[in-house]
Amino acid sequence: MIAFLWGGDDDGDGGEDADDADVDPHAEAVVVCAFLDGTLVVYEDRVCIERPARSRFDDTTVPFDDVRGVDFDTGITIGYLQLELVGVTPDTGGLLSDPVNERTVHFGWGDRACAKRARDAILERARG
């Protein structure tokens, strides 16, 4: 297949294949939560954090063998979920701030239920 810079494809119709539009990239996921600074995806064997293009962090994938726990706080207005890794000291925020790193996602009040489901799914699968 040829990928043209102007977005066309090699079948000449210039459009996206119908099958490509129906593919769910998280079909195998146990929990998917779209948060303020990234999407947290929990699979049976790993956790992925997918970052938007504006983020200063890259996407992160951590196998459950490396996860020892979760630092979780619902906060007053903004909460956070941080993956705790084997052999890595968890980051802490300041008095009025949350940790900010490649293993932490932040969520608003409306996303607390999904964050709790993600936390529980991670803790059930963590082996570290």
C-alpha atoms as a PDB file:
ATOM      1  CA  MET A   1       0.000   0.000   0.000  1.00  0.00           C
ATOM      2  CA  ILE A   2       1.173   3.524  -0.754  1.00  0.00           C
ATOM      3  CA  ALA A   3       0.650   6.286   1.804  1.00  0.00           C
ATOM      4  CA  PHE A   4       0.404   9.677   0.127  1.00  0.00           C
ATOM      5  CA  LEU A   5       1.136  12.830   2.104  1.00  0.00           C
ATOM      6  CA  TRP A   6      -2.205  14.387   1.142  1.00  0.00           C
ATOM      7  CA  GLY A   7      -4.199  11.648   2.894  1.00  0.00           C
ATOM      8  CA  GLY A   8      -5.339   9.517  -0.022  1.00  0.00           C
ATOM      9  CA  ASP A   9      -4.906   5.759  -0.184  1.00  0.00           C
ATOM     10  CA  ASP A  10      -3.828   3.390  -2.901  1.00  0.00           C
ATOM     11  CA  ASP A  11      -7.333   2.264  -3.985  1.00  0.00           C
ATOM     12  CA  GLY A  12      -7.993   5.580  -5.687  1.00  0.00           C
ATOM     13  CA  ASP A  13     -11.194   6.564  -3.873  1.00  0.00           C
ATOM     14  CA  GLY A  14      -9.382   8.882  -1.470  1.00  0.00           C
ATOM     15  CA  GLY A  15     -11.366   7.611   1.498  1.00  0.00           C
ATOM     16  CA  GLU A  16     -10.786   5.462   4.512  1.00  0.00           C
ATOM     17  CA  ASP A  17     -11.633   1.785   4.300  1.00  0.00           C
ATOM     18  CA  ALA A  18     -14.944   1.009   6.006  1.00  0.00           C
ATOM     19  CA  ASP A  19     -13.340  -1.805   7.995  1.00  0.00           C
ATOM     20  CA  ASP A  20     -10.707   0.557   9.440  1.00  0.00           C
ATOM     21  CA  ALA A  21     -13.350   2.899  10.892  1.00  0.00           C
ATOM     22  CA  ASP A  22     -15.025   0.064  12.827  1.00  0.00           C
ATOM     23  CA  VAL A  23     -11.881  -1.266  14.523  1.00  0.00           C
ATOM     24  CA  ASP A  24     -11.808  -0.624  18.277  1.00  0.00           C
ATOM     25  CA  PRO A  25      -8.170  -0.184  19.330  1.00  0.00           C
ATOM     26  CA  HIS A  26      -9.108  -1.173  22.900  1.00  0.00           C
ATOM     27  CA  ALA A  27     -11.287  -4.188  22.116  1.00  0.00           C
ATOM     28  CA  GLU A  28      -9.199  -6.452  24.385  1.00  0.00           C
ATOM     29  CA  ALA A  29      -9.159  -3.965  27.282  1.00  0.00           C
ATOM     30  CA  VAL A  30     -10.644  -4.683  30.700  1.00  0.00           C
ATOM     31  CA  VAL A  31     -11.125  -0.974  31.535  1.00  0.00           C
ATOM     32  CA  VAL A  32     -10.642   2.171  29.442  1.00  0.00           C
ATOM     33  CA  CYS A  33     -10.799   5.630  31.036  1.00  0.00           C
ATOM     34  CA  ALA A  34     -10.330   8.888  29.153  1.00  0.00           C
ATOM     35  CA  PHE A  35      -8.840  11.323  31.673  1.00  0.00           C
ATOM     36  CA  LEU A  36      -7.675  14.938  31.592  1.00  0.00           C
ATOM     37  CA  ASP A  37      -4.104  14.184  30.528  1.00  0.00           C
ATOM     38  CA  GLY A  38      -4.361  10.795  28.873  1.00  0.00           C
ATOM     39  CA  THR A  39      -6.311   7.604  28.385  1.00  0.00           C
ATOM     40  CA  LEU A  40      -5.671   4.800  30.863  1.00  0.00           C
ATOM     41  CA  VAL A  41      -6.169   1.338  29.358  1.00  0.00           C
ATOM     42  CA  VAL A  42      -6.029  -1.777  31.535  1.00  0.00           C
ATOM     43  CA  TYR A  43      -5.463  -5.101  29.768  1.00  0.00           C
ATOM     44  CA  GLU A  44      -5.081  -8.551  31.325  1.00  0.00           C
ATOM     45  CA  ASP A  45      -1.275  -8.392  31.145  1.00  0.00           C
ATOM     46  CA  ARG A  46      -0.386  -4.678  31.067  1.00  0.00           C
ATOM     47  CA  VAL A  47      -1.443  -1.096  31.681  1.00  0.00           C
ATOM     48  CA  CYS A  48      -1.117   1.551  28.992  1.00  0.00           C
ATOM     49  CA  ILE A  49      -1.306   5.313  29.288  1.00  0.00           C
ATOM     50  CA  GLU A  50      -1.927   6.954  25.936  1.00  0.00           C
ATOM     51  CA  ARG A  51      -1.046  10.637  25.915  1.00  0.00           C
ATOM     52  CA  PRO A  52      -2.439  13.363  23.661  1.00  0.00           C
ATOM     53  CA  ALA A  53      -0.037  15.042  21.255  1.00  0.00           C
ATOM     54  CA  ARG A  54       0.154  18.128  23.506  1.00  0.00           C
ATOM     55  CA  SER A  55       1.533  16.101  26.426  1.00  0.00           C
ATOM     56  CA  ARG A  56       5.140  16.387  27.502  1.00  0.00           C
ATOM     57  CA  PHE A  57       5.106  12.629  28.212  1.00  0.00           C
ATOM     58  CA  ASP A  58       5.132   9.805  25.694  1.00  0.00           C
ATOM     59  CA  ASP A  59       2.743   6.875  25.752  1.00  0.00           C
ATOM     60  CA  THR A  60       3.645   4.396  28.493  1.00  0.00           C
ATOM     61  CA  THR A  61       3.101   0.630  28.659  1.00  0.00           C
ATOM     62  CA  VAL A  62       3.867  -1.269  31.855  1.00  0.00           C
ATOM     63  CA  PRO A  63       3.543  -5.068  32.196  1.00  0.00           C
ATOM     64  CA  PHE A  64       1.809  -6.211  35.384  1.00  0.00           C
ATOM     65  CA  ASP A  65       4.986  -8.003  36.490  1.00  0.00           C
ATOM     66  CA  ASP A  66       6.419  -4.512  37.091  1.00  0.00           C
ATOM     67  CA  VAL A  67       3.370  -3.053  38.884  1.00  0.00           C
ATOM     68  CA  ARG A  68       3.345  -3.329  42.674  1.00  0.00           C
ATOM     69  CA  GLY A  69       0.370  -1.072  43.399  1.00  0.00           C
ATOM     70  CA  VAL A  70      -1.525   2.133  42.758  1.00  0.00           C
ATOM     71  CA  ASP A  71      -1.375   5.508  44.467  1.00  0.00           C
ATOM     72  CA  PHE A  72      -4.921   6.817  44.186  1.00  0.00           C
ATOM     73  CA  ASP A  73      -6.547  10.015  45.438  1.00  0.00           C
ATOM     74  CA  THR A  74      -9.937  11.349  44.371  1.00  0.00           C
ATOM     75  CA  GLY A  75      -8.987  14.868  45.445  1.00  0.00           C
ATOM     76  CA  ILE A  76     -11.403  17.717  46.015  1.00  0.00           C
ATOM     77  CA  THR A  77     -11.717  18.741  42.370  1.00  0.00           C
ATOM     78  CA  ILE A  78      -8.942  16.863  40.530  1.00  0.00           C
ATOM     79  CA  GLY A  79      -7.810  13.371  41.472  1.00  0.00           C
ATOM     80  CA  TYR A  80      -4.952  11.236  40.294  1.00  0.00           C
ATOM     81  CA  LEU A  81      -3.976   7.611  39.755  1.00  0.00           C
ATOM     82  CA  GLN A  82      -0.260   6.768  39.764  1.00  0.00           C
ATOM     83  CA  LEU A  83       1.177   3.366  38.931  1.00  0.00           C
ATOM     84  CA  GLU A  84       3.606   2.183  41.600  1.00  0.00           C
ATOM     85  CA  LEU A  85       6.399   0.143  40.061  1.00  0.00           C
ATOM     86  CA  VAL A  86       8.645  -2.492  41.579  1.00  0.00           C
ATOM     87  CA  GLY A  87      11.947  -0.898  42.590  1.00  0.00           C
ATOM     88  CA  VAL A  88      10.805   2.669  41.850  1.00  0.00           C
ATOM     89  CA  THR A  89      10.061   5.172  44.614  1.00  0.00           C
ATOM     90  CA  PRO A  90       6.627   6.737  44.009  1.00  0.00           C
ATOM     91  CA  ASP A  91       6.576  10.454  43.245  1.00  0.00           C
ATOM     92  CA  THR A  92       4.775  12.699  45.657  1.00  0.00           C
ATOM     93  CA  GLY A  93       3.175  16.032  45.018  1.00  0.00           C
ATOM     94  CA  GLY A  94       3.539  19.100  47.145  1.00  0.00           C
ATOM     95  CA  LEU A  95       1.162  20.371  49.789  1.00  0.00           C
ATOM     96  CA  LEU A  96      -1.328  21.584  47.194  1.00  0.00           C
ATOM     97  CA  SER A  97      -0.227  19.620  44.137  1.00  0.00           C
ATOM     98  CA  ASP A  98      -0.410  16.083  42.787  1.00  0.00           C
ATOM     99  CA  PRO A  99       2.469  14.071  41.303  1.00  0.00           C
ATOM    100  CA  VAL A 100       3.149  14.703  37.628  1.00  0.00           C
ATOM    101  CA  ASN A 101       5.072  12.008  35.754  1.00  0.00           C
ATOM    102  CA  GLU A 102       4.763   9.471  32.944  1.00  0.00           C
ATOM    103  CA  ARG A 103       2.987   6.967  35.246  1.00  0.00           C
ATOM    104  CA  THR A 104       0.311   9.353  36.561  1.00  0.00           C
ATOM    105  CA  VAL A 105      -3.033  10.413  35.095  1.00  0.00           C
ATOM    106  CA  HIS A 106      -5.374  13.080  36.460  1.00  0.00           C
ATOM    107  CA  PHE A 107      -9.166  12.988  36.419  1.00  0.00           C
ATOM    108  CA  GLY A 108     -12.037  15.294  37.200  1.00  0.00           C
ATOM    109  CA  TRP A 109     -14.953  14.736  39.523  1.00  0.00           C
ATOM    110  CA  GLY A 110     -17.073  13.150  36.786  1.00  0.00           C
ATOM    111  CA  ASP A 111     -14.445  10.467  36.068  1.00  0.00           C
ATOM    112  CA  ARG A 112     -14.077   9.160  39.627  1.00  0.00           C
ATOM    113  CA  ALA A 113     -16.156   6.017  38.988  1.00  0.00           C
ATOM    114  CA  CYS A 114     -14.024   5.002  36.000  1.00  0.00           C
ATOM    115  CA  ALA A 115     -10.851   5.788  37.957  1.00  0.00           C
ATOM    116  CA  LYS A 116     -11.997   3.507  40.781  1.00  0.00           C
ATOM    117  CA  ARG A 117     -12.762   0.702  38.303  1.00  0.00           C
ATOM    118  CA  ALA A 118      -9.301   1.137  36.779  1.00  0.00           C
ATOM    119  CA  ARG A 119      -7.649   1.130  40.231  1.00  0.00           C
ATOM    120  CA  ASP A 120      -9.467  -2.049  41.221  1.00  0.00           C
ATOM    121  CA  ALA A 121      -8.634  -3.777  37.914  1.00  0.00           C
ATOM    122  CA  ILE A 122      -4.948  -2.851  38.281  1.00  0.00           C
ATOM    123  CA  LEU A 123      -4.765  -4.045  41.888  1.00  0.00           C
ATOM    124  CA  GLU A 124      -6.420  -7.368  40.951  1.00  0.00           C
ATOM    125  CA  ARG A 125      -3.761  -7.998  38.297  1.00  0.00           C
ATOM    126  CA  ALA A 126      -0.624  -6.478  39.862  1.00  0.00           C
ATOM    127  CA  ARG A 127       1.985  -9.150  40.527  1.00  0.00           C
ATOM    128  CA  GLY A 128       4.930  -7.078  41.659  1.00  0.00           C
END
